[in-house]
Amino acid sequence: MISKALLQPFHYLFDTEIINNIINVALLKSFIKHDIIIDIGQDLSYIPLLIEGNIKVLREDSEGNELLLYVLETGDTCAMSLTCCMSKSISKVRAVADEDVKVIMIPIANMKLWFNTNESWRNFILQSYQIRFDEMIETIDTLAFMKMDERLHKYLKDHVKLSASTTLEITHQEIAEDMHTSRVVISRLLKQLEKESKIELGRNKITVLNF
């Protein structure tokens, strides 16, 4: 059951008409950390609105290695899934719960109808495209112009912003998978950052210093 209280993150974006429409047609789903919410190759029948938690959006190469594209926060939707829905194509990304999350799933037919008939919904969709596009450009710039240790430090600082804590409960393997590299490389670079007094390492924990 979806209530107006659950839609709190979107109240400042949507008018009353859209809020009521969402309550009438959408589904509420919960996922635990590491659950796959949308997978590569999946036919999409719903678009997600994130009302609690964070979701990682990843691409995968032919060998099964993943690369983190961006992270969705409360109040976000996935522009990649919007694009696939509009073009009636399969998903080209994998969306994974980065922690326990709650998602409102809106049927594609309603998403398209509202885009043509409601200004607040149309603005939200267009703004979502722009935000995700900017994040994709930032990801490309990071890959193209930053050294691996700089990328790693930025990755850690970005996660501090998301979690609102300077202590991150994350393994070297999880970081390696997100950054599309090996655990050995990440472990070496983390030790380097610790020597530079930028982080402090613990057991499955990393504290970012002087943030």
C-alpha atoms as a PDB file:
ATOM      1  CA  MET A   1       0.000   0.000   0.000  1.00  0.00           C
ATOM      2  CA  ILE A   2       1.425   3.369  -1.041  1.00  0.00           C
ATOM      3  CA  SER A   3       0.528   6.375   1.092  1.00  0.00           C
ATOM      4  CA  LYS A   4       1.244  10.068   0.721  1.00  0.00           C
ATOM      5  CA  ALA A   5       3.735   9.751   3.576  1.00  0.00           C
ATOM      6  CA  LEU A   6       5.866   7.343   1.513  1.00  0.00           C
ATOM      7  CA  LEU A   7       5.986   9.895  -1.304  1.00  0.00           C
ATOM      8  CA  GLN A   8       7.524  12.552   0.954  1.00  0.00           C
ATOM      9  CA  PRO A   9      10.799  12.714  -1.072  1.00  0.00           C
ATOM     10  CA  PHE A  10       8.783  13.700  -4.164  1.00  0.00           C
ATOM     11  CA  HIS A  11       6.241  16.132  -2.685  1.00  0.00           C
ATOM     12  CA  TYR A  12       8.239  19.190  -3.744  1.00  0.00           C
ATOM     13  CA  LEU A  13       8.577  17.824  -7.308  1.00  0.00           C
ATOM     14  CA  PHE A  14       5.092  16.543  -8.118  1.00  0.00           C
ATOM     15  CA  ASP A  15       1.702  18.200  -8.112  1.00  0.00           C
ATOM     16  CA  THR A  16      -1.316  16.711  -6.327  1.00  0.00           C
ATOM     17  CA  GLU A  17      -2.590  15.019  -9.475  1.00  0.00           C
ATOM     18  CA  ILE A  18       0.602  12.973  -9.956  1.00  0.00           C
ATOM     19  CA  ILE A  19       0.851  12.133  -6.255  1.00  0.00           C
ATOM     20  CA  ASN A  20      -2.678  10.707  -6.368  1.00  0.00           C
ATOM     21  CA  ASN A  21      -2.012   8.873  -9.638  1.00  0.00           C
ATOM     22  CA  ILE A  22       1.085   7.208  -8.174  1.00  0.00           C
ATOM     23  CA  ILE A  23      -0.871   6.102  -5.114  1.00  0.00           C
ATOM     24  CA  ASN A  24      -3.497   4.531  -7.391  1.00  0.00           C
ATOM     25  CA  VAL A  25      -1.305   2.596  -9.844  1.00  0.00           C
ATOM     26  CA  ALA A  26       2.197   2.055  -8.427  1.00  0.00           C
ATOM     27  CA  LEU A  27       3.644  -0.882  -6.485  1.00  0.00           C
ATOM     28  CA  LEU A  28       5.821  -0.666  -3.373  1.00  0.00           C
ATOM     29  CA  LYS A  29       8.773  -3.066  -3.271  1.00  0.00           C
ATOM     30  CA  SER A  30      11.551  -3.631  -0.742  1.00  0.00           C
ATOM     31  CA  PHE A  31      15.023  -5.015  -1.447  1.00  0.00           C
ATOM     32  CA  ILE A  32      17.911  -5.941   0.818  1.00  0.00           C
ATOM     33  CA  LYS A  33      21.555  -5.046   0.209  1.00  0.00           C
ATOM     34  CA  HIS A  34      23.040  -6.702  -2.924  1.00  0.00           C
ATOM     35  CA  ASP A  35      19.611  -7.569  -4.384  1.00  0.00           C
ATOM     36  CA  ILE A  36      19.372  -7.002  -8.142  1.00  0.00           C
ATOM     37  CA  ILE A  37      16.503  -4.596  -8.833  1.00  0.00           C
ATOM     38  CA  ILE A  38      16.966  -4.312 -12.605  1.00  0.00           C
ATOM     39  CA  ASP A  39      19.251  -6.619 -14.565  1.00  0.00           C
ATOM     40  CA  ILE A  40      21.025  -6.380 -17.911  1.00  0.00           C
ATOM     41  CA  GLY A  41      18.893  -7.857 -20.697  1.00  0.00           C
ATOM     42  CA  GLN A  42      15.676  -7.560 -18.686  1.00  0.00           C
ATOM     43  CA  ASP A  43      12.455  -6.412 -20.340  1.00  0.00           C
ATOM     44  CA  LEU A  44      11.244  -3.457 -18.326  1.00  0.00           C
ATOM     45  CA  SER A  45       7.593  -3.024 -17.408  1.00  0.00           C
ATOM     46  CA  TYR A  46       8.092  -0.554 -14.536  1.00  0.00           C
ATOM     47  CA  ILE A  47      10.344   2.396 -13.734  1.00  0.00           C
ATOM     48  CA  PRO A  48      11.652   2.793 -10.167  1.00  0.00           C
ATOM     49  CA  LEU A  49      11.292   5.786  -7.867  1.00  0.00           C
ATOM     50  CA  LEU A  50      13.661   5.440  -4.924  1.00  0.00           C
ATOM     51  CA  ILE A  51      12.095   6.437  -1.608  1.00  0.00           C
ATOM     52  CA  GLU A  52      14.664   4.963   0.798  1.00  0.00           C
ATOM     53  CA  GLY A  53      18.310   3.851   0.511  1.00  0.00           C
ATOM     54  CA  ASN A  54      20.881   3.909  -2.305  1.00  0.00           C
ATOM     55  CA  ILE A  55      21.118   1.935  -5.561  1.00  0.00           C
ATOM     56  CA  LYS A  56      24.260   1.310  -7.619  1.00  0.00           C
ATOM     57  CA  VAL A  57      23.867   1.394 -11.406  1.00  0.00           C
ATOM     58  CA  LEU A  58      26.482  -0.735 -13.197  1.00  0.00           C
ATOM     59  CA  ARG A  59      27.582  -1.752 -16.666  1.00  0.00           C
ATOM     60  CA  GLU A  60      29.067  -5.174 -17.432  1.00  0.00           C
ATOM     61  CA  ASP A  61      31.652  -6.212 -20.051  1.00  0.00           C
ATOM     62  CA  SER A  62      31.714  -9.453 -22.048  1.00  0.00           C
ATOM     63  CA  GLU A  63      33.726 -11.172 -19.299  1.00  0.00           C
ATOM     64  CA  GLY A  64      31.294 -10.297 -16.537  1.00  0.00           C
ATOM     65  CA  ASN A  65      33.355  -7.478 -14.999  1.00  0.00           C
ATOM     66  CA  GLU A  66      31.287  -4.565 -13.688  1.00  0.00           C
ATOM     67  CA  LEU A  67      31.870  -0.807 -13.734  1.00  0.00           C
ATOM     68  CA  LEU A  68      30.000   1.610 -11.477  1.00  0.00           C
ATOM     69  CA  LEU A  69      28.271   4.332 -13.519  1.00  0.00           C
ATOM     70  CA  TYR A  70      26.483   6.268 -10.784  1.00  0.00           C
ATOM     71  CA  VAL A  71      24.576   5.877  -7.521  1.00  0.00           C
ATOM     72  CA  LEU A  72      20.889   6.688  -7.065  1.00  0.00           C
ATOM     73  CA  GLU A  73      19.783   8.333  -3.824  1.00  0.00           C
ATOM     74  CA  THR A  74      16.393   8.876  -2.190  1.00  0.00           C
ATOM     75  CA  GLY A  75      14.216  10.922  -4.547  1.00  0.00           C
ATOM     76  CA  ASP A  76      15.961   9.672  -7.712  1.00  0.00           C
ATOM     77  CA  THR A  77      14.967   7.517 -10.646  1.00  0.00           C
ATOM     78  CA  CYS A  78      17.194   5.690 -13.136  1.00  0.00           C
ATOM     79  CA  ALA A  79      17.513   7.563 -16.446  1.00  0.00           C
ATOM     80  CA  MET A  80      18.835   4.399 -18.109  1.00  0.00           C
ATOM     81  CA  SER A  81      15.614   2.559 -17.319  1.00  0.00           C
ATOM     82  CA  LEU A  82      13.590   5.554 -18.522  1.00  0.00           C
ATOM     83  CA  THR A  83      15.419   5.463 -21.850  1.00  0.00           C
ATOM     84  CA  CYS A  84      14.831   1.733 -22.255  1.00  0.00           C
ATOM     85  CA  CYS A  85      11.162   2.130 -21.406  1.00  0.00           C
ATOM     86  CA  MET A  86      10.657   4.954 -23.897  1.00  0.00           C
ATOM     87  CA  SER A  87      12.370   3.030 -26.689  1.00  0.00           C
ATOM     88  CA  LYS A  88      10.844  -0.360 -25.706  1.00  0.00           C
ATOM     89  CA  SER A  89      14.308  -1.927 -25.488  1.00  0.00           C
ATOM     90  CA  ILE A  90      15.867  -4.214 -22.878  1.00  0.00           C
ATOM     91  CA  SER A  91      17.882  -2.889 -19.955  1.00  0.00           C
ATOM     92  CA  LYS A  92      21.538  -2.151 -20.663  1.00  0.00           C
ATOM     93  CA  VAL A  93      22.460  -1.681 -17.001  1.00  0.00           C
ATOM     94  CA  ARG A  94      22.224  -3.532 -13.694  1.00  0.00           C
ATOM     95  CA  ALA A  95      20.708  -1.755 -10.677  1.00  0.00           C
ATOM     96  CA  VAL A  96      21.806  -3.254  -7.346  1.00  0.00           C
ATOM     97  CA  ALA A  97      20.729  -2.299  -3.820  1.00  0.00           C
ATOM     98  CA  ASP A  98      23.724  -0.683  -2.099  1.00  0.00           C
ATOM     99  CA  GLU A  99      21.829  -1.013   1.185  1.00  0.00           C
ATOM    100  CA  ASP A 100      18.276  -1.970   2.140  1.00  0.00           C
ATOM    101  CA  VAL A 101      15.992   0.046  -0.118  1.00  0.00           C
ATOM    102  CA  LYS A 102      12.328   0.794  -0.800  1.00  0.00           C
ATOM    103  CA  VAL A 103      11.243   1.508  -4.350  1.00  0.00           C
ATOM    104  CA  ILE A 104       7.971   2.624  -5.913  1.00  0.00           C
ATOM    105  CA  MET A 105       7.468   0.892  -9.259  1.00  0.00           C
ATOM    106  CA  ILE A 106       5.442   2.796 -11.844  1.00  0.00           C
ATOM    107  CA  PRO A 107       4.025   0.998 -14.918  1.00  0.00           C
ATOM    108  CA  ILE A 108       5.533   2.101 -18.237  1.00  0.00           C
ATOM    109  CA  ALA A 109       2.148   2.981 -19.732  1.00  0.00           C
ATOM    110  CA  ASN A 110       1.485   5.471 -16.929  1.00  0.00           C
ATOM    111  CA  MET A 111       4.983   6.907 -17.136  1.00  0.00           C
ATOM    112  CA  LYS A 112       4.471   7.689 -20.848  1.00  0.00           C
ATOM    113  CA  LEU A 113       0.935   9.018 -20.374  1.00  0.00           C
ATOM    114  CA  TRP A 114       1.947  11.379 -17.577  1.00  0.00           C
ATOM    115  CA  PHE A 115       4.927  12.629 -19.585  1.00  0.00           C
ATOM    116  CA  ASN A 116       2.499  13.905 -22.224  1.00  0.00           C
ATOM    117  CA  THR A 117      -0.189  15.199 -19.889  1.00  0.00           C
ATOM    118  CA  ASN A 118       1.458  16.504 -16.694  1.00  0.00           C
ATOM    119  CA  GLU A 119       4.068  19.263 -16.496  1.00  0.00           C
ATOM    120  CA  SER A 120       5.496  18.368 -13.064  1.00  0.00           C
ATOM    121  CA  TRP A 121       6.087  14.753 -14.123  1.00  0.00           C
ATOM    122  CA  ARG A 122       7.589  15.822 -17.461  1.00  0.00           C
ATOM    123  CA  ASN A 123       9.958  18.229 -15.690  1.00  0.00           C
ATOM    124  CA  PHE A 124      11.003  15.495 -13.260  1.00  0.00           C
ATOM    125  CA  ILE A 125      11.811  13.075 -16.104  1.00  0.00           C
ATOM    126  CA  LEU A 126      13.796  15.683 -18.061  1.00  0.00           C
ATOM    127  CA  GLN A 127      15.703  16.801 -14.954  1.00  0.00           C
ATOM    128  CA  SER A 128      16.510  13.155 -14.171  1.00  0.00           C
ATOM    129  CA  TYR A 129      17.967  12.722 -17.650  1.00  0.00           C
ATOM    130  CA  GLN A 130      20.123  15.822 -17.176  1.00  0.00           C
ATOM    131  CA  ILE A 131      21.401  14.809 -13.736  1.00  0.00           C
ATOM    132  CA  ARG A 132      22.308  11.280 -14.845  1.00  0.00           C
ATOM    133  CA  PHE A 133      23.936  12.644 -18.026  1.00  0.00           C
ATOM    134  CA  ASP A 134      26.110  14.963 -15.928  1.00  0.00           C
ATOM    135  CA  GLU A 135      27.084  12.033 -13.689  1.00  0.00           C
ATOM    136  CA  MET A 136      27.980   9.944 -16.747  1.00  0.00           C
ATOM    137  CA  ILE A 137      30.224  12.763 -18.012  1.00  0.00           C
ATOM    138  CA  GLU A 138      31.881  12.916 -14.589  1.00  0.00           C
ATOM    139  CA  THR A 139      32.457   9.145 -14.697  1.00  0.00           C
ATOM    140  CA  ILE A 140      34.028   9.405 -18.159  1.00  0.00           C
ATOM    141  CA  ASP A 141      36.250  12.304 -17.037  1.00  0.00           C
ATOM    142  CA  THR A 142      37.343  10.309 -13.991  1.00  0.00           C
ATOM    143  CA  LEU A 143      38.276   7.288 -16.130  1.00  0.00           C
ATOM    144  CA  ALA A 144      40.020   9.371 -18.779  1.00  0.00           C
ATOM    145  CA  PHE A 145      41.894  11.983 -16.779  1.00  0.00           C
ATOM    146  CA  MET A 146      42.459  10.773 -13.203  1.00  0.00           C
ATOM    147  CA  LYS A 147      45.084   8.338 -11.964  1.00  0.00           C
ATOM    148  CA  MET A 148      43.840   5.227 -10.180  1.00  0.00           C
ATOM    149  CA  ASP A 149      44.764   6.489  -6.709  1.00  0.00           C
ATOM    150  CA  GLU A 150      42.898   9.746  -7.375  1.00  0.00           C
ATOM    151  CA  ARG A 151      39.896   7.802  -8.662  1.00  0.00           C
ATOM    152  CA  LEU A 152      39.925   5.645  -5.532  1.00  0.00           C
ATOM    153  CA  HIS A 153      40.110   8.644  -3.199  1.00  0.00           C
ATOM    154  CA  LYS A 154      37.225  10.304  -5.066  1.00  0.00           C
ATOM    155  CA  TYR A 155      35.230   7.058  -4.896  1.00  0.00           C
ATOM    156  CA  LEU A 156      35.664   6.952  -1.102  1.00  0.00           C
ATOM    157  CA  LYS A 157      34.732  10.619  -0.662  1.00  0.00           C
ATOM    158  CA  ASP A 158      31.624  10.148  -2.820  1.00  0.00           C
ATOM    159  CA  HIS A 159      30.570   7.242  -0.596  1.00  0.00           C
ATOM    160  CA  VAL A 160      31.082   9.393   2.506  1.00  0.00           C
ATOM    161  CA  LYS A 161      28.599  11.889   1.034  1.00  0.00           C
ATOM    162  CA  LEU A 162      26.093   9.133   0.315  1.00  0.00           C
ATOM    163  CA  SER A 163      26.351   7.466   3.722  1.00  0.00           C
ATOM    164  CA  ALA A 164      26.743  10.693   5.744  1.00  0.00           C
ATOM    165  CA  SER A 165      29.536   8.950   7.656  1.00  0.00           C
ATOM    166  CA  THR A 166      33.309   9.159   7.313  1.00  0.00           C
ATOM    167  CA  THR A 167      33.584   5.481   8.290  1.00  0.00           C
ATOM    168  CA  LEU A 168      32.611   3.161   5.426  1.00  0.00           C
ATOM    169  CA  GLU A 169      31.764  -0.503   5.963  1.00  0.00           C
ATOM    170  CA  ILE A 170      33.039  -1.867   2.671  1.00  0.00           C
ATOM    171  CA  THR A 171      35.448  -4.569   1.525  1.00  0.00           C
ATOM    172  CA  HIS A 172      38.399  -4.214  -0.833  1.00  0.00           C
ATOM    173  CA  GLN A 173      36.652  -6.658  -3.184  1.00  0.00           C
ATOM    174  CA  GLU A 174      33.490  -4.548  -3.349  1.00  0.00           C
ATOM    175  CA  ILE A 175      35.550  -1.481  -4.251  1.00  0.00           C
ATOM    176  CA  ALA A 176      37.472  -3.435  -6.874  1.00  0.00           C
ATOM    177  CA  GLU A 177      34.251  -4.605  -8.514  1.00  0.00           C
ATOM    178  CA  ASP A 178      32.824  -1.084  -8.606  1.00  0.00           C
ATOM    179  CA  MET A 179      36.046   0.332 -10.087  1.00  0.00           C
ATOM    180  CA  HIS A 180      36.535  -2.495 -12.576  1.00  0.00           C
ATOM    181  CA  THR A 181      39.958  -3.544 -11.287  1.00  0.00           C
ATOM    182  CA  SER A 182      41.503  -6.222  -9.059  1.00  0.00           C
ATOM    183  CA  ARG A 183      41.349  -6.512  -5.273  1.00  0.00           C
ATOM    184  CA  VAL A 184      45.168  -6.596  -5.150  1.00  0.00           C
ATOM    185  CA  VAL A 185      45.379  -3.219  -6.872  1.00  0.00           C
ATOM    186  CA  ILE A 186      42.796  -1.697  -4.551  1.00  0.00           C
ATOM    187  CA  SER A 187      44.497  -3.063  -1.431  1.00  0.00           C
ATOM    188  CA  ARG A 188      47.831  -1.609  -2.559  1.00  0.00           C
ATOM    189  CA  LEU A 189      46.325   1.796  -3.311  1.00  0.00           C
ATOM    190  CA  LEU A 190      44.421   1.874  -0.013  1.00  0.00           C
ATOM    191  CA  LYS A 191      47.669   1.282   1.866  1.00  0.00           C
ATOM    192  CA  GLN A 192      49.210   4.110  -0.142  1.00  0.00           C
ATOM    193  CA  LEU A 193      46.357   6.455   0.794  1.00  0.00           C
ATOM    194  CA  GLU A 194      46.742   5.413   4.441  1.00  0.00           C
ATOM    195  CA  LYS A 195      50.457   6.289   4.348  1.00  0.00           C
ATOM    196  CA  GLU A 196      49.449   9.692   2.957  1.00  0.00           C
ATOM    197  CA  SER A 197      47.118  10.114   5.977  1.00  0.00           C
ATOM    198  CA  LYS A 198      44.064  10.370   3.719  1.00  0.00           C
ATOM    199  CA  ILE A 199      42.346   7.291   5.139  1.00  0.00           C
ATOM    200  CA  GLU A 200      42.567   4.853   8.041  1.00  0.00           C
ATOM    201  CA  LEU A 201      42.080   1.133   7.368  1.00  0.00           C
ATOM    202  CA  GLY A 202      40.240  -1.310   9.638  1.00  0.00           C
ATOM    203  CA  ARG A 203      38.675  -4.736   9.260  1.00  0.00           C
ATOM    204  CA  ASN A 204      36.173  -4.284   6.414  1.00  0.00           C
ATOM    205  CA  LYS A 205      36.107  -0.599   7.362  1.00  0.00           C
ATOM    206  CA  ILE A 206      37.700   2.499   5.889  1.00  0.00           C
ATOM    207  CA  THR A 207      37.704   5.871   7.635  1.00  0.00           C
ATOM    208  CA  VAL A 208      38.175   8.871   5.350  1.00  0.00           C
ATOM    209  CA  LEU A 209      40.262  11.517   7.131  1.00  0.00           C
ATOM    210  CA  ASN A 210      40.136  15.322   6.778  1.00  0.00           C
ATOM    211  CA  PHE A 211      36.994  15.091   4.684  1.00  0.00           C
END
